[in-house]
Protein backbone atom coordinates (compact mmCIF):
# COMPACT_ATOMS: atom_id res chain seq x y z
CA UNK A 1 -90.25 20.63 -45.45
CA UNK A 2 -87.35 20.85 -47.78
CA UNK A 3 -86.08 23.95 -46.18
CA UNK A 4 -86.40 22.49 -42.63
CA UNK A 5 -84.25 19.36 -43.75
CA UNK A 6 -81.67 21.67 -45.16
CA UNK A 7 -81.31 23.68 -42.04
CA UNK A 8 -81.24 20.56 -39.92
CA UNK A 9 -78.45 19.15 -42.03
CA UNK A 10 -76.40 22.20 -41.85
CA UNK A 11 -76.80 22.10 -37.94
CA UNK A 12 -75.64 18.55 -37.80
CA UNK A 13 -72.67 19.37 -39.85
CA UNK A 14 -71.70 22.49 -37.60
CA UNK A 15 -71.81 20.26 -34.56
CA UNK A 16 -69.76 17.55 -36.16
CA UNK A 17 -67.09 20.35 -37.04
CA UNK A 18 -67.06 21.57 -33.36
CA UNK A 19 -66.83 18.08 -32.09
CA UNK A 20 -63.94 17.19 -34.45
CA UNK A 21 -62.25 20.51 -33.43
CA UNK A 22 -62.60 19.75 -29.74
CA UNK A 23 -61.23 16.32 -30.01
CA UNK A 24 -58.22 17.36 -32.15
CA UNK A 25 -57.18 20.34 -29.97
CA UNK A 26 -55.89 18.26 -26.82
CA UNK A 27 -53.84 16.24 -29.10
CA UNK A 28 -51.98 19.10 -30.72
CA UNK A 29 -51.54 20.65 -27.24
CA UNK A 30 -49.98 17.54 -25.94
CA UNK A 31 -47.60 17.31 -29.06
CA UNK A 32 -46.47 20.98 -28.36
CA UNK A 33 -45.88 20.16 -24.71
CA UNK A 34 -43.87 17.13 -25.40
CA UNK A 35 -41.74 19.06 -28.02
CA UNK A 36 -40.98 21.74 -25.52
CA UNK A 37 -40.19 19.12 -22.86
CA UNK A 38 -37.74 17.39 -25.28
CA UNK A 39 -36.08 20.76 -26.04
CA UNK A 40 -35.71 21.53 -22.23
CA UNK A 41 -34.40 18.15 -21.62
CA UNK A 42 -31.73 18.40 -24.36
CA UNK A 43 -30.72 21.86 -23.13
CA UNK A 44 -30.30 20.44 -19.53
CA UNK A 45 -28.36 17.56 -20.79
CA UNK A 46 -26.08 19.93 -22.80
CA UNK A 47 -25.56 22.32 -19.88
CA UNK A 48 -24.80 19.22 -17.66
CA UNK A 49 -22.12 17.93 -20.11
CA UNK A 50 -20.58 21.27 -20.35
CA UNK A 51 -20.42 21.55 -16.48
CA UNK A 52 -18.79 18.21 -16.48
CA UNK A 53 -16.23 19.27 -19.11
CA UNK A 54 -15.54 22.40 -17.29
CA UNK A 55 -14.64 20.52 -14.08
CA UNK A 56 -11.95 18.37 -15.66
CA UNK A 57 -8.90 18.99 -17.99
CA UNK A 58 -6.91 16.49 -20.08
CA UNK A 59 -3.15 16.42 -19.39
CA UNK A 60 -0.61 14.75 -21.62
CA UNK A 61 2.04 12.81 -19.70
CA UNK A 62 4.79 10.17 -20.71
CA UNK A 63 2.37 7.48 -19.40
CA UNK A 64 -0.57 8.68 -21.56
CA UNK A 65 -3.43 11.25 -21.35
CA UNK A 66 -4.77 11.79 -17.82
CA UNK A 67 -8.03 13.53 -17.04
CA UNK A 68 -7.52 15.82 -13.93
CA UNK A 69 -9.81 18.06 -11.93
CA UNK A 70 -9.85 21.61 -13.49
CA UNK A 71 -9.45 23.21 -10.15
CA UNK A 72 -8.05 20.59 -7.63
CA UNK A 73 -8.42 21.45 -4.09
CA UNK A 74 -6.42 18.84 -2.49
CA UNK A 75 -3.25 18.19 -4.32
CA UNK A 76 -0.19 15.98 -3.12
CA UNK A 77 3.38 15.86 -4.73
CA UNK A 78 6.62 14.22 -4.03
CA UNK A 79 8.51 17.00 -5.76
CA UNK A 80 7.97 20.74 -7.07
CA UNK A 81 6.62 22.33 -3.85
CA UNK A 82 8.26 25.69 -4.80
CA UNK A 83 6.87 25.58 -8.33
CA UNK A 84 3.44 25.01 -6.83
CA UNK A 85 3.60 27.67 -4.29
CA UNK A 86 4.75 30.22 -6.89
CA UNK A 87 1.57 29.34 -8.68
CA UNK A 88 -0.44 30.00 -5.67
CA UNK A 89 -1.19 26.20 -5.03
CA UNK A 90 -0.52 25.09 -1.44
CA UNK A 91 -0.52 21.20 -1.42
CA UNK A 92 -2.05 19.30 1.30
CA UNK A 93 0.89 16.98 1.48
CA UNK A 94 4.55 16.53 0.03
CA UNK A 95 7.74 14.61 0.59
CA UNK A 96 9.65 15.50 3.75
CA UNK A 97 12.58 16.96 1.83
CA UNK A 98 10.28 19.75 0.30
CA UNK A 99 9.36 20.98 3.82
CA UNK A 100 13.00 21.67 4.59
CA UNK A 101 14.32 23.26 1.22
CA UNK A 102 16.91 26.02 1.56
CA UNK A 103 14.90 28.67 -0.23
CA UNK A 104 12.19 28.69 2.43
CA UNK A 105 14.27 30.53 5.11
CA UNK A 106 16.25 32.58 2.33
CA UNK A 107 13.33 33.79 0.43
CA UNK A 108 11.25 34.89 3.40
CA UNK A 109 8.27 32.75 2.33
CA UNK A 110 5.75 32.93 5.13
CA UNK A 111 5.92 29.75 7.03
CA UNK A 112 2.57 29.82 8.42
CA UNK A 113 1.29 29.10 4.93
CA UNK A 114 3.36 25.81 5.07
CA UNK A 115 2.08 24.93 8.55
CA UNK A 116 -0.88 22.69 7.15
CA UNK A 117 1.10 20.66 4.73
CA UNK A 118 1.43 17.07 5.78
CA UNK A 119 4.85 15.47 5.81
CA UNK A 120 4.43 12.30 3.59
CA UNK A 121 7.99 10.85 4.18
CA UNK A 122 10.45 9.92 1.45
CA UNK A 123 10.09 8.34 -1.97
CA UNK A 124 7.55 6.95 -2.45
CA UNK A 125 5.36 8.94 -0.29
CA UNK A 126 3.67 7.19 2.53
CA UNK A 127 0.45 5.61 0.80
CA UNK A 128 -1.51 5.33 4.11
CA UNK A 129 -0.94 8.93 4.97
CA UNK A 130 -1.60 9.91 1.40
CA UNK A 131 -4.93 7.96 1.46
CA UNK A 132 -6.04 9.76 4.54
CA UNK A 133 -5.55 13.07 2.88
CA UNK A 134 -7.86 12.17 0.09
CA UNK A 135 -6.03 13.96 -2.63
CA UNK A 136 -7.97 14.94 -5.85
CA UNK A 137 -4.68 15.04 -7.72
CA UNK A 138 -1.29 13.68 -7.09
CA UNK A 139 1.99 14.54 -8.86
CA UNK A 140 4.75 11.86 -8.97
CA UNK A 141 8.24 12.44 -10.23
CA UNK A 142 9.51 8.82 -10.41
CA UNK A 143 7.94 6.44 -12.69
CA UNK A 144 8.09 3.28 -10.49
CA UNK A 145 6.06 5.03 -7.81
CA UNK A 146 3.19 5.92 -10.16
CA UNK A 147 1.10 2.74 -9.89
CA UNK A 148 1.06 3.00 -6.25
CA UNK A 149 -0.05 6.65 -6.15
CA UNK A 150 -2.91 5.93 -8.83
CA UNK A 151 -4.45 3.29 -6.38
CA UNK A 152 -5.04 6.45 -4.00
CA UNK A 153 -6.13 9.03 -6.54
CA UNK A 154 -5.69 10.67 -10.01
CA UNK A 155 -1.95 10.96 -10.69
CA UNK A 156 0.17 12.85 -13.18
CA UNK A 157 3.67 11.55 -13.97
CA UNK A 158 6.13 14.48 -14.31
CA UNK A 159 9.74 13.30 -14.09
CA UNK A 160 12.29 15.71 -12.59
CA UNK A 161 15.15 13.84 -13.97
CA UNK A 162 15.35 12.55 -17.51
CA UNK A 163 18.31 9.87 -17.39
CA UNK A 164 21.22 12.00 -15.96
CA UNK A 165 19.83 15.21 -17.12
CA UNK A 166 17.09 17.63 -15.95
CA UNK A 167 14.72 19.71 -18.20
CA UNK A 168 15.49 23.34 -18.41
CA UNK A 169 13.95 24.96 -15.12
CA UNK A 170 11.79 27.39 -16.99
CA UNK A 171 10.43 24.56 -19.29
CA UNK A 172 9.74 22.58 -15.95
CA UNK A 173 7.84 25.38 -14.62
CA UNK A 174 5.73 25.69 -17.72
CA UNK A 175 4.99 21.90 -17.73
CA UNK A 176 3.63 22.16 -14.17
CA UNK A 177 1.55 25.17 -14.90
CA UNK A 178 -0.24 23.41 -17.79
CA UNK A 179 -1.44 20.74 -15.34
CA UNK A 180 -3.43 23.40 -13.40
CA UNK A 181 -4.25 25.78 -16.29
CA UNK A 182 -2.05 28.41 -14.80
CA UNK A 183 0.03 29.25 -17.92
CA UNK A 184 -0.71 32.92 -17.51
CA UNK A 185 0.82 33.09 -13.88
CA UNK A 186 3.86 31.02 -15.08
CA UNK A 187 4.49 33.19 -18.04
CA UNK A 188 4.06 36.48 -15.85
CA UNK A 189 6.80 35.26 -13.44
CA UNK A 190 9.08 34.04 -16.30
CA UNK A 191 8.93 37.50 -17.86
CA UNK A 192 9.81 39.12 -14.60
CA UNK A 193 12.77 36.71 -14.05
CA UNK A 194 14.13 37.23 -17.55
CA UNK A 195 13.88 40.96 -17.08
CA UNK A 196 16.05 40.45 -13.78
CA UNK A 197 18.32 38.25 -15.59
CA UNK A 198 19.00 40.83 -18.38
CA UNK A 199 19.79 43.38 -15.75
CA UNK A 200 22.12 40.86 -14.09
CA UNK A 201 24.04 40.23 -17.40
CA UNK A 202 24.66 44.00 -17.68
CA UNK A 203 26.01 44.29 -14.08
CA UNK A 204 28.63 41.42 -14.78
CA UNK A 205 29.53 42.48 -18.38
CA UNK A 206 33.18 42.29 -18.89
CA UNK A 207 34.09 40.04 -16.03
CA UNK A 208 34.24 37.01 -18.56
CA UNK A 209 35.88 38.57 -21.52
CA UNK A 210 35.26 37.78 -25.25
CA UNK A 211 36.86 34.49 -26.14
CA UNK A 212 36.99 33.16 -22.67
CA UNK A 213 34.94 30.09 -21.32
CA UNK A 214 33.55 29.07 -18.13
CA UNK A 215 33.54 25.54 -16.42
CA UNK A 216 31.43 24.34 -13.40
CA UNK A 217 33.01 21.57 -11.26
CA UNK A 218 31.22 19.80 -8.40
CA UNK A 219 33.51 18.13 -5.95
CA UNK A 220 31.98 15.57 -3.56
CA UNK A 221 33.25 12.42 -1.75
CA UNK A 222 36.73 12.80 -3.35
CA UNK A 223 35.12 12.80 -6.72
CA UNK A 224 35.00 15.43 -9.60
CA UNK A 225 32.04 16.07 -11.79
CA UNK A 226 32.07 18.55 -14.42
CA UNK A 227 28.46 20.00 -15.21
CA UNK A 228 27.13 20.01 -18.69
CA UNK A 229 25.97 23.15 -20.50
CA UNK A 230 22.47 21.80 -20.80
CA UNK A 231 20.73 19.26 -18.46
CA UNK A 232 23.01 19.95 -15.54
CA UNK A 233 21.92 21.00 -12.04
CA UNK A 234 23.48 22.80 -9.08
CA UNK A 235 23.29 26.23 -10.76
CA UNK A 236 24.36 25.19 -14.28
CA UNK A 237 21.34 26.55 -15.80
CA UNK A 238 21.66 29.83 -13.92
CA UNK A 239 25.26 30.13 -15.04
CA UNK A 240 25.21 28.95 -18.62
CA UNK A 241 21.60 29.76 -19.74
CA UNK A 242 20.30 32.66 -17.60
CA UNK A 243 23.55 34.76 -17.37
CA UNK A 244 24.76 33.19 -20.68
CA UNK A 245 28.30 32.70 -19.72
CA UNK A 246 30.15 30.68 -22.36
CA UNK A 247 30.68 26.94 -21.72
CA UNK A 248 33.75 25.00 -22.84
CA UNK A 249 33.42 22.65 -25.84
CA UNK A 250 33.62 19.64 -23.34
CA UNK A 251 30.47 21.08 -21.40
CA UNK A 252 28.71 21.56 -24.68
CA UNK A 253 29.16 17.97 -25.96
CA UNK A 254 28.28 16.04 -22.85
CA UNK A 255 25.37 13.66 -23.57
CA UNK A 256 24.09 13.86 -19.95
CA UNK A 257 24.03 16.40 -17.28
CA UNK A 258 27.46 15.88 -16.14
CA UNK A 259 30.52 13.80 -16.35
CA UNK A 260 32.48 12.05 -13.63
CA UNK A 261 36.22 12.55 -14.42
CA UNK A 262 39.57 11.92 -12.73
CA UNK A 263 41.83 14.48 -11.46
CA UNK A 264 44.58 13.59 -14.19
CA UNK A 265 42.12 14.76 -17.07
CA UNK A 266 40.75 17.74 -15.27
CA UNK A 267 42.85 20.36 -17.34
CA UNK A 268 41.10 18.99 -20.50
CA UNK A 269 37.71 20.13 -19.19
CA UNK A 270 38.65 23.46 -17.49
CA UNK A 271 37.80 26.88 -18.95
CA UNK A 272 39.26 30.40 -18.24
CA UNK A 273 36.92 30.84 -15.37
CA UNK A 274 35.84 27.98 -13.00
CA UNK A 275 32.80 27.78 -10.67
CA UNK A 276 33.38 25.27 -8.05
CA UNK A 277 30.34 23.80 -6.08
CA UNK A 278 30.64 21.86 -2.83
CA UNK A 279 34.22 23.27 -1.87
CA UNK A 280 33.45 22.78 1.79
CA UNK A 281 32.83 19.08 1.28
CA UNK A 282 35.36 16.71 3.08
CA UNK A 283 36.78 15.35 -0.06
CA UNK A 284 37.33 18.80 -1.70
CA UNK A 285 40.54 19.64 -0.11
CA UNK A 286 42.44 16.71 -1.49
CA UNK A 287 41.61 17.97 -4.98
CA UNK A 288 41.71 21.76 -4.39
CA UNK A 289 45.12 21.66 -2.80
CA UNK A 290 46.73 19.30 -5.40
CA UNK A 291 49.58 20.54 -7.50
CA UNK A 292 47.56 19.94 -10.70
CA UNK A 293 44.56 22.02 -9.48
CA UNK A 294 47.02 24.86 -8.35
CA UNK A 295 48.65 24.70 -11.91
CA UNK A 296 45.34 25.42 -13.65
CA UNK A 297 45.32 28.67 -15.70
CA UNK A 298 42.21 29.82 -14.11
CA UNK A 299 43.50 29.20 -10.50
CA UNK A 300 46.61 31.16 -11.16
CA UNK A 301 44.67 34.16 -12.39
CA UNK A 302 42.31 33.98 -9.40
CA UNK A 303 39.41 33.32 -11.76
CA UNK A 304 37.86 30.64 -9.47
CA UNK A 305 34.41 31.08 -7.73
CA UNK A 306 33.41 28.86 -4.75
CA UNK A 307 29.75 28.51 -4.08
CA UNK A 308 27.26 26.18 -2.45
CA UNK A 309 27.68 23.41 -0.09
CA UNK A 310 27.03 19.85 -1.01
CA UNK A 311 26.47 18.62 2.52
CA UNK A 312 23.85 17.86 5.04
CA UNK A 313 22.89 21.50 5.05
CA UNK A 314 21.34 22.03 1.54
CA UNK A 315 21.61 25.41 -0.14
CA UNK A 316 19.60 27.19 -2.91
CA UNK A 317 21.32 25.23 -5.71
CA UNK A 318 19.90 21.96 -5.10
CA UNK A 319 16.51 22.73 -6.48
CA UNK A 320 15.38 24.58 -9.57
CA UNK A 321 12.07 26.02 -8.54
CA UNK A 322 11.21 29.73 -8.95
CA UNK A 323 12.33 30.71 -5.52
CA UNK A 324 15.68 28.87 -5.83
CA UNK A 325 16.36 30.36 -9.26
CA UNK A 326 15.89 33.87 -7.96
CA UNK A 327 18.30 33.12 -5.15
CA UNK A 328 20.84 31.36 -7.48
CA UNK A 329 20.75 34.48 -9.81
CA UNK A 330 21.60 36.93 -6.78
CA UNK A 331 24.36 34.55 -5.35
CA UNK A 332 26.31 34.08 -8.71
CA UNK A 333 26.05 37.73 -9.50
CA UNK A 334 27.25 38.90 -6.13
CA UNK A 335 30.07 36.32 -6.45
CA UNK A 336 31.28 37.69 -9.52
CA UNK A 337 30.93 41.38 -8.62
CA UNK A 338 32.83 40.57 -5.46
CA UNK A 339 35.78 39.14 -7.44
CA UNK A 340 35.65 42.11 -10.00
CA UNK A 341 36.50 44.49 -6.97
């Protein structure tokens, strides 16, 4: 009798153990599934955040940081078309002037690639037409227009002029490349350009002798402008920075990109060699045929180089995009070599 009770008790304990094990198993299984689900959800969220981050880029501007698409597909700009095209970016819309820049014909750039670019008028670009284009990124070069552009889409403010000066052309190209993450492409072109510039300096060596200086004058509307060694335009960066021709002290000490001067003080600004931009302008004759002009040492020695045309028909010296810079370099070098002969 005692043995039967003992066996029965053992059987009861065994059954209870099995029942407890069966009850606890589902709980553990559910806990394991939930942990796995949580891990999967966390991984999915991380992947999603990484994907979102990869789709945008933060760009620092004078109006604060701007989050822009990492790879914009529909870009509009009121400036910088030549810079964009050199980076392989074809905008959907630009300011009218961009579509008629002088470098387009001279560089041989395929016009069919420009055929689909919308003409958006002058500053500011036509907001109605801009809205129709649905740009995912807009570049504006004049601060007062930025708020209007921002109502249409994400806008980056990148000024072309800084007061009366412009940023160095190569720095400007670098700034644009940073917006699109194309610094590598920009540096590749800059390396090639600087190599070409070094070859050009060798070709013209000795034309401007040691100790001599160079001036750049723009004549327009009967006015005289002397261009600065830094911050000037109309070929000033090509002559002074790329070809490294020595500026006068006056050109070095200009606070802005140029100075508007009178004919009477012109001799104070002139170096041993003078580049004259816009000699075909209507008001140029009065200046270039004056006795004061004829009496300048550089004029007497035949060390004056006429280039460009400040008129309705623009030339490669108006803009500072890579295509224009390439043409400017060729023009100035050929001009100096012609005089050398």
